[in-house]
C-alpha atoms as a PDB file:
ATOM      1  CA  MET A   1      92.460 210.399  34.538  1.00  0.00           C
ATOM      2  CA  ARG A   2      93.986 210.034  31.112  1.00  0.00           C
ATOM      3  CA  ASP A   3      92.246 211.006  27.927  1.00  0.00           C
ATOM      4  CA  ILE A   4      90.653 208.218  25.957  1.00  0.00           C
ATOM      5  CA  THR A   5      91.128 207.927  22.229  1.00  0.00           C
ATOM      6  CA  GLU A   6      88.324 208.524  19.752  1.00  0.00           C
ATOM      7  CA  GLU A   7      88.335 204.786  18.989  1.00  0.00           C
ATOM      8  CA  GLN A   8      87.860 203.900  22.669  1.00  0.00           C
ATOM      9  CA  ALA A   9      85.067 206.446  22.986  1.00  0.00           C
ATOM     10  CA  ARG A  10      83.389 204.890  19.946  1.00  0.00           C
ATOM     11  CA  GLN A  11      83.669 201.426  21.525  1.00  0.00           C
ATOM     12  CA  ILE A  12      82.198 202.672  24.801  1.00  0.00           C
ATOM     13  CA  ARG A  13      79.283 204.332  23.009  1.00  0.00           C
ATOM     14  CA  GLY A  14      78.767 201.203  20.919  1.00  0.00           C
ATOM     15  CA  GLY A  15      78.694 199.053  24.025  1.00  0.00           C
ATOM     16  CA  ALA A  16      76.171 201.343  25.679  1.00  0.00           C
ATOM     17  CA  SER A  17      73.818 201.304  22.707  1.00  0.00           C
ATOM     18  CA  LEU A  18      74.212 197.536  22.441  1.00  0.00           C
ATOM     19  CA  TYR A  19      73.231 197.289  26.085  1.00  0.00           C
ATOM     20  CA  SER A  20      70.219 199.551  25.759  1.00  0.00           C
ATOM     21  CA  ASN A  21      69.082 197.682  22.646  1.00  0.00           C
ATOM     22  CA  SER A  22      69.281 194.352  24.440  1.00  0.00           C
ATOM     23  CA  ALA A  23      67.473 195.838  27.439  1.00  0.00           C
ATOM     24  CA  ALA A  24      64.690 197.100  25.182  1.00  0.00           C
ATOM     25  CA  TYR A  25      64.590 193.686  23.515  1.00  0.00           C
ATOM     26  CA  THR A  26      64.281 191.957  26.885  1.00  0.00           C
ATOM     27  CA  VAL A  27      61.460 194.266  27.965  1.00  0.00           C
ATOM     28  CA  ASP A  28      59.759 193.548  24.646  1.00  0.00           C
ATOM     29  CA  LEU A  29      60.022 189.791  25.182  1.00  0.00           C
ATOM     30  CA  VAL A  30      58.695 190.061  28.728  1.00  0.00           C
ATOM     31  CA  ASN A  31      55.753 192.166  27.566  1.00  0.00           C
ATOM     32  CA  GLN A  32      54.943 189.645  24.841  1.00  0.00           C
ATOM     33  CA  SER A  33      55.012 186.726  27.249  1.00  0.00           C
ATOM     34  CA  ILE A  34      52.896 188.603  29.803  1.00  0.00           C
ATOM     35  CA  GLY A  35      50.348 189.339  27.079  1.00  0.00           C
ATOM     36  CA  THR A  36      50.230 185.702  26.007  1.00  0.00           C
ATOM     37  CA  THR A  37      49.932 184.492  29.590  1.00  0.00           C
ATOM     38  CA  LEU A  38      47.101 186.902  30.325  1.00  0.00           C
ATOM     39  CA  GLN A  39      45.251 185.811  27.193  1.00  0.00           C
ATOM     40  CA  GLY A  40      45.612 182.187  28.251  1.00  0.00           C
ATOM     41  CA  LEU A  41      44.329 182.931  31.736  1.00  0.00           C
ATOM     42  CA  MET A  42      41.366 184.905  30.430  1.00  0.00           C
ATOM     43  CA  THR A  43      40.443 182.086  28.055  1.00  0.00           C
ATOM     44  CA  GLN A  44      40.586 179.567  30.904  1.00  0.00           C
ATOM     45  CA  TYR A  45      38.573 181.865  33.142  1.00  0.00           C
ATOM     46  CA  GLN A  46      35.895 182.394  30.495  1.00  0.00           C
ATOM     47  CA  ALA A  47      35.635 178.659  29.812  1.00  0.00           C
ATOM     48  CA  ARG A  48      35.253 177.945  33.524  1.00  0.00           C
ATOM     49  CA  ALA A  49      32.680 180.706  33.979  1.00  0.00           C
ATOM     50  CA  VAL A  50      30.616 179.417  31.059  1.00  0.00           C
ATOM     51  CA  GLU A  51      30.834 175.889  32.459  1.00  0.00           C
ATOM     52  CA  GLN A  52      29.640 176.992  35.897  1.00  0.00           C
ATOM     53  CA  PHE A  53      26.860 179.048  34.371  1.00  0.00           C
ATOM     54  CA  ARG A  54      25.660 176.030  32.388  1.00  0.00           C
ATOM     55  CA  MET A  55      25.785 173.851  35.491  1.00  0.00           C
ATOM     56  CA  SER A  56      23.767 176.381  37.453  1.00  0.00           C
ATOM     57  CA  LEU A  57      21.141 176.238  34.707  1.00  0.00           C
ATOM     58  CA  GLY A  58      21.170 172.473  35.088  1.00  0.00           C
ATOM     59  CA  SER A  59      22.101 171.762  31.501  1.00  0.00           C
ATOM     60  CA  SER A  60      25.624 170.456  31.895  1.00  0.00           C
ATOM     61  CA  ARG A  61      26.482 168.277  28.905  1.00  0.00           C
END
């Protein structure tokens, strides 16, 4: 295996950090979308629960 130059080493390190940054960014995006989705589901669930509760009381308007 031949020695790599300092410049090549710098490029390799740069590529690795670029990759880890984009991976972190992707994880961040996924977490955000999961959070939003969960909020949406909870809101729907609450609305439905309230609706059913009202109906069971017999005051559905």
